[in-house]
């Protein structure tokens, strides 16, 4: 899938995969890829700036977690992030319904009932 297809929807994707609980960056990438059936492959250069921005906006919080010798930053939704995710889902439903009604009209153009 083209990278520009994700543009404008990245925040919603990140918030959605974090809804079940905290994840670190690579786990977020894997979750998006898995949930999209492999159609979406996000790069670290794409998600980390977005995660940092979402955290600055108060939609995510993060903490450091140690795994053996490694430390990694884990992100989780805040209450504001959950509220924003609900809005993203509503907007997505409205958008797909509008596009769907144009691409797959119930009554083909030129026909009247």
C-alpha atoms as a PDB file:
ATOM      1  CA  UNK A   1       0.000   0.000   0.000  1.00  0.00           C
ATOM      2  CA  UNK A   2       1.280   3.464  -0.854  1.00  0.00           C
ATOM      3  CA  UNK A   3       2.756   5.443   2.034  1.00  0.00           C
ATOM      4  CA  UNK A   4       0.625   8.461   1.141  1.00  0.00           C
ATOM      5  CA  UNK A   5      -2.500   6.355   1.762  1.00  0.00           C
ATOM      6  CA  UNK A   6      -1.698   6.453   5.486  1.00  0.00           C
ATOM      7  CA  UNK A   7      -1.133  10.214   5.527  1.00  0.00           C
ATOM      8  CA  UNK A   8      -3.827  11.893   7.590  1.00  0.00           C
ATOM      9  CA  UNK A   9      -4.702   8.666   9.379  1.00  0.00           C
ATOM     10  CA  UNK A  10      -1.461   7.920  11.211  1.00  0.00           C
ATOM     11  CA  UNK A  11      -2.609   9.401  14.523  1.00  0.00           C
ATOM     12  CA  UNK A  12      -5.743   7.271  14.522  1.00  0.00           C
ATOM     13  CA  UNK A  13      -3.759   4.145  13.663  1.00  0.00           C
ATOM     14  CA  UNK A  14      -1.289   4.738  16.487  1.00  0.00           C
ATOM     15  CA  UNK A  15      -4.001   5.524  19.021  1.00  0.00           C
ATOM     16  CA  UNK A  16      -5.982   2.429  17.985  1.00  0.00           C
ATOM     17  CA  UNK A  17      -3.100  -0.014  18.418  1.00  0.00           C
ATOM     18  CA  UNK A  18      -2.343   1.475  21.831  1.00  0.00           C
ATOM     19  CA  UNK A  19      -5.938   1.143  23.018  1.00  0.00           C
ATOM     20  CA  UNK A  20      -5.487  -2.355  24.527  1.00  0.00           C
ATOM     21  CA  UNK A  21      -2.431  -1.300  26.520  1.00  0.00           C
ATOM     22  CA  UNK A  22       1.117   0.072  26.494  1.00  0.00           C
ATOM     23  CA  UNK A  23       3.533  -0.869  23.714  1.00  0.00           C
ATOM     24  CA  UNK A  24       7.048   0.120  22.692  1.00  0.00           C
ATOM     25  CA  UNK A  25       7.868   1.474  19.245  1.00  0.00           C
ATOM     26  CA  UNK A  26       8.703  -1.739  17.426  1.00  0.00           C
ATOM     27  CA  UNK A  27       5.664  -3.458  18.957  1.00  0.00           C
ATOM     28  CA  UNK A  28       3.502  -0.605  17.648  1.00  0.00           C
ATOM     29  CA  UNK A  29       4.923  -1.101  14.154  1.00  0.00           C
ATOM     30  CA  UNK A  30       4.285  -4.860  14.407  1.00  0.00           C
ATOM     31  CA  UNK A  31       0.728  -4.314  15.685  1.00  0.00           C
ATOM     32  CA  UNK A  32      -0.164  -2.027  12.773  1.00  0.00           C
ATOM     33  CA  UNK A  33       1.333  -4.491  10.307  1.00  0.00           C
ATOM     34  CA  UNK A  34      -0.430  -7.461  11.910  1.00  0.00           C
ATOM     35  CA  UNK A  35      -3.813  -5.737  12.241  1.00  0.00           C
ATOM     36  CA  UNK A  36      -3.640  -4.578   8.611  1.00  0.00           C
ATOM     37  CA  UNK A  37      -2.846  -8.072   7.357  1.00  0.00           C
ATOM     38  CA  UNK A  38       0.594  -6.875   6.274  1.00  0.00           C
ATOM     39  CA  UNK A  39      -0.784  -4.067   4.090  1.00  0.00           C
ATOM     40  CA  UNK A  40       0.649  -1.291   6.270  1.00  0.00           C
ATOM     41  CA  UNK A  41       4.343  -1.179   7.090  1.00  0.00           C
ATOM     42  CA  UNK A  42       5.271   1.872   9.110  1.00  0.00           C
ATOM     43  CA  UNK A  43       8.863   2.968   9.474  1.00  0.00           C
ATOM     44  CA  UNK A  44      10.549   4.080  12.668  1.00  0.00           C
ATOM     45  CA  UNK A  45      11.263   7.452  11.045  1.00  0.00           C
ATOM     46  CA  UNK A  46       7.512   7.868  10.667  1.00  0.00           C
ATOM     47  CA  UNK A  47       6.169   6.661  13.991  1.00  0.00           C
ATOM     48  CA  UNK A  48       8.621   8.072  16.526  1.00  0.00           C
ATOM     49  CA  UNK A  49       8.062  11.720  15.550  1.00  0.00           C
ATOM     50  CA  UNK A  50       4.298  11.036  15.566  1.00  0.00           C
ATOM     51  CA  UNK A  51       4.471   9.367  18.988  1.00  0.00           C
ATOM     52  CA  UNK A  52       6.457  12.301  20.376  1.00  0.00           C
ATOM     53  CA  UNK A  53       3.929  14.762  18.925  1.00  0.00           C
ATOM     54  CA  UNK A  54       0.975  12.808  20.354  1.00  0.00           C
ATOM     55  CA  UNK A  55       2.687  12.790  23.730  1.00  0.00           C
ATOM     56  CA  UNK A  56       3.265  16.570  23.587  1.00  0.00           C
ATOM     57  CA  UNK A  57      -0.452  16.966  22.807  1.00  0.00           C
ATOM     58  CA  UNK A  58      -1.310  14.951  25.918  1.00  0.00           C
ATOM     59  CA  UNK A  59      -2.860  12.052  23.978  1.00  0.00           C
ATOM     60  CA  UNK A  60      -0.154   9.596  25.048  1.00  0.00           C
ATOM     61  CA  UNK A  61       2.070   9.159  28.045  1.00  0.00           C
ATOM     62  CA  UNK A  62       5.321   7.239  28.053  1.00  0.00           C
ATOM     63  CA  UNK A  63       7.688   5.598  30.463  1.00  0.00           C
ATOM     64  CA  UNK A  64      10.973   3.766  30.252  1.00  0.00           C
ATOM     65  CA  UNK A  65      10.948   0.002  30.636  1.00  0.00           C
ATOM     66  CA  UNK A  66      13.990  -2.212  31.101  1.00  0.00           C
ATOM     67  CA  UNK A  67      14.165  -5.547  29.343  1.00  0.00           C
ATOM     68  CA  UNK A  68      17.380  -7.251  30.324  1.00  0.00           C
ATOM     69  CA  UNK A  69      20.143  -4.813  29.458  1.00  0.00           C
ATOM     70  CA  UNK A  70      17.936  -2.810  27.088  1.00  0.00           C
ATOM     71  CA  UNK A  71      15.750   0.144  27.905  1.00  0.00           C
ATOM     72  CA  UNK A  72      12.818   1.047  25.727  1.00  0.00           C
ATOM     73  CA  UNK A  73      10.120   3.667  25.850  1.00  0.00           C
ATOM     74  CA  UNK A  74       6.570   2.391  26.189  1.00  0.00           C
ATOM     75  CA  UNK A  75       3.593   4.479  25.160  1.00  0.00           C
ATOM     76  CA  UNK A  76       0.011   4.351  26.369  1.00  0.00           C
ATOM     77  CA  UNK A  77      -3.204   6.260  25.809  1.00  0.00           C
ATOM     78  CA  UNK A  78      -4.295   8.974  28.177  1.00  0.00           C
ATOM     79  CA  UNK A  79      -7.959   9.792  28.772  1.00  0.00           C
ATOM     80  CA  UNK A  80      -7.602  12.569  26.197  1.00  0.00           C
ATOM     81  CA  UNK A  81      -6.138  10.001  23.783  1.00  0.00           C
ATOM     82  CA  UNK A  82      -9.152   7.717  24.265  1.00  0.00           C
ATOM     83  CA  UNK A  83     -11.482  10.630  23.603  1.00  0.00           C
ATOM     84  CA  UNK A  84      -9.529  11.586  20.474  1.00  0.00           C
ATOM     85  CA  UNK A  85      -9.574   7.971  19.264  1.00  0.00           C
ATOM     86  CA  UNK A  86     -13.372   7.932  19.562  1.00  0.00           C
ATOM     87  CA  UNK A  87     -13.483  11.084  17.424  1.00  0.00           C
ATOM     88  CA  UNK A  88     -11.090   9.557  14.880  1.00  0.00           C
ATOM     89  CA  UNK A  89     -13.340   6.519  14.583  1.00  0.00           C
ATOM     90  CA  UNK A  90     -16.424   8.666  14.042  1.00  0.00           C
ATOM     91  CA  UNK A  91     -14.641  10.778  11.428  1.00  0.00           C
ATOM     92  CA  UNK A  92     -13.375   7.631   9.668  1.00  0.00           C
ATOM     93  CA  UNK A  93     -16.882   6.137   9.546  1.00  0.00           C
ATOM     94  CA  UNK A  94     -18.302   9.339   8.075  1.00  0.00           C
ATOM     95  CA  UNK A  95     -15.445   9.588   5.557  1.00  0.00           C
ATOM     96  CA  UNK A  96     -15.722   5.981   4.363  1.00  0.00           C
ATOM     97  CA  UNK A  97     -19.524   6.252   4.098  1.00  0.00           C
ATOM     98  CA  UNK A  98     -19.212   9.379   1.939  1.00  0.00           C
ATOM     99  CA  UNK A  99     -16.520   7.878  -0.312  1.00  0.00           C
ATOM    100  CA  UNK A 100     -18.427   4.587  -0.505  1.00  0.00           C
ATOM    101  CA  UNK A 101     -21.605   6.348  -1.596  1.00  0.00           C
ATOM    102  CA  UNK A 102     -19.694   7.926  -4.481  1.00  0.00           C
ATOM    103  CA  UNK A 103     -17.695   4.861  -5.533  1.00  0.00           C
ATOM    104  CA  UNK A 104     -20.534   2.355  -5.038  1.00  0.00           C
ATOM    105  CA  UNK A 105     -23.816   4.224  -5.428  1.00  0.00           C
ATOM    106  CA  UNK A 106     -26.997   2.354  -4.483  1.00  0.00           C
ATOM    107  CA  UNK A 107     -28.662   3.575  -7.673  1.00  0.00           C
ATOM    108  CA  UNK A 108     -26.427   3.962 -10.735  1.00  0.00           C
ATOM    109  CA  UNK A 109     -26.334   7.501 -12.164  1.00  0.00           C
ATOM    110  CA  UNK A 110     -28.988   8.183 -14.797  1.00  0.00           C
ATOM    111  CA  UNK A 111     -31.462   5.648 -13.383  1.00  0.00           C
ATOM    112  CA  UNK A 112     -34.498   6.808 -11.519  1.00  0.00           C
ATOM    113  CA  UNK A 113     -36.764   4.818  -9.311  1.00  0.00           C
END
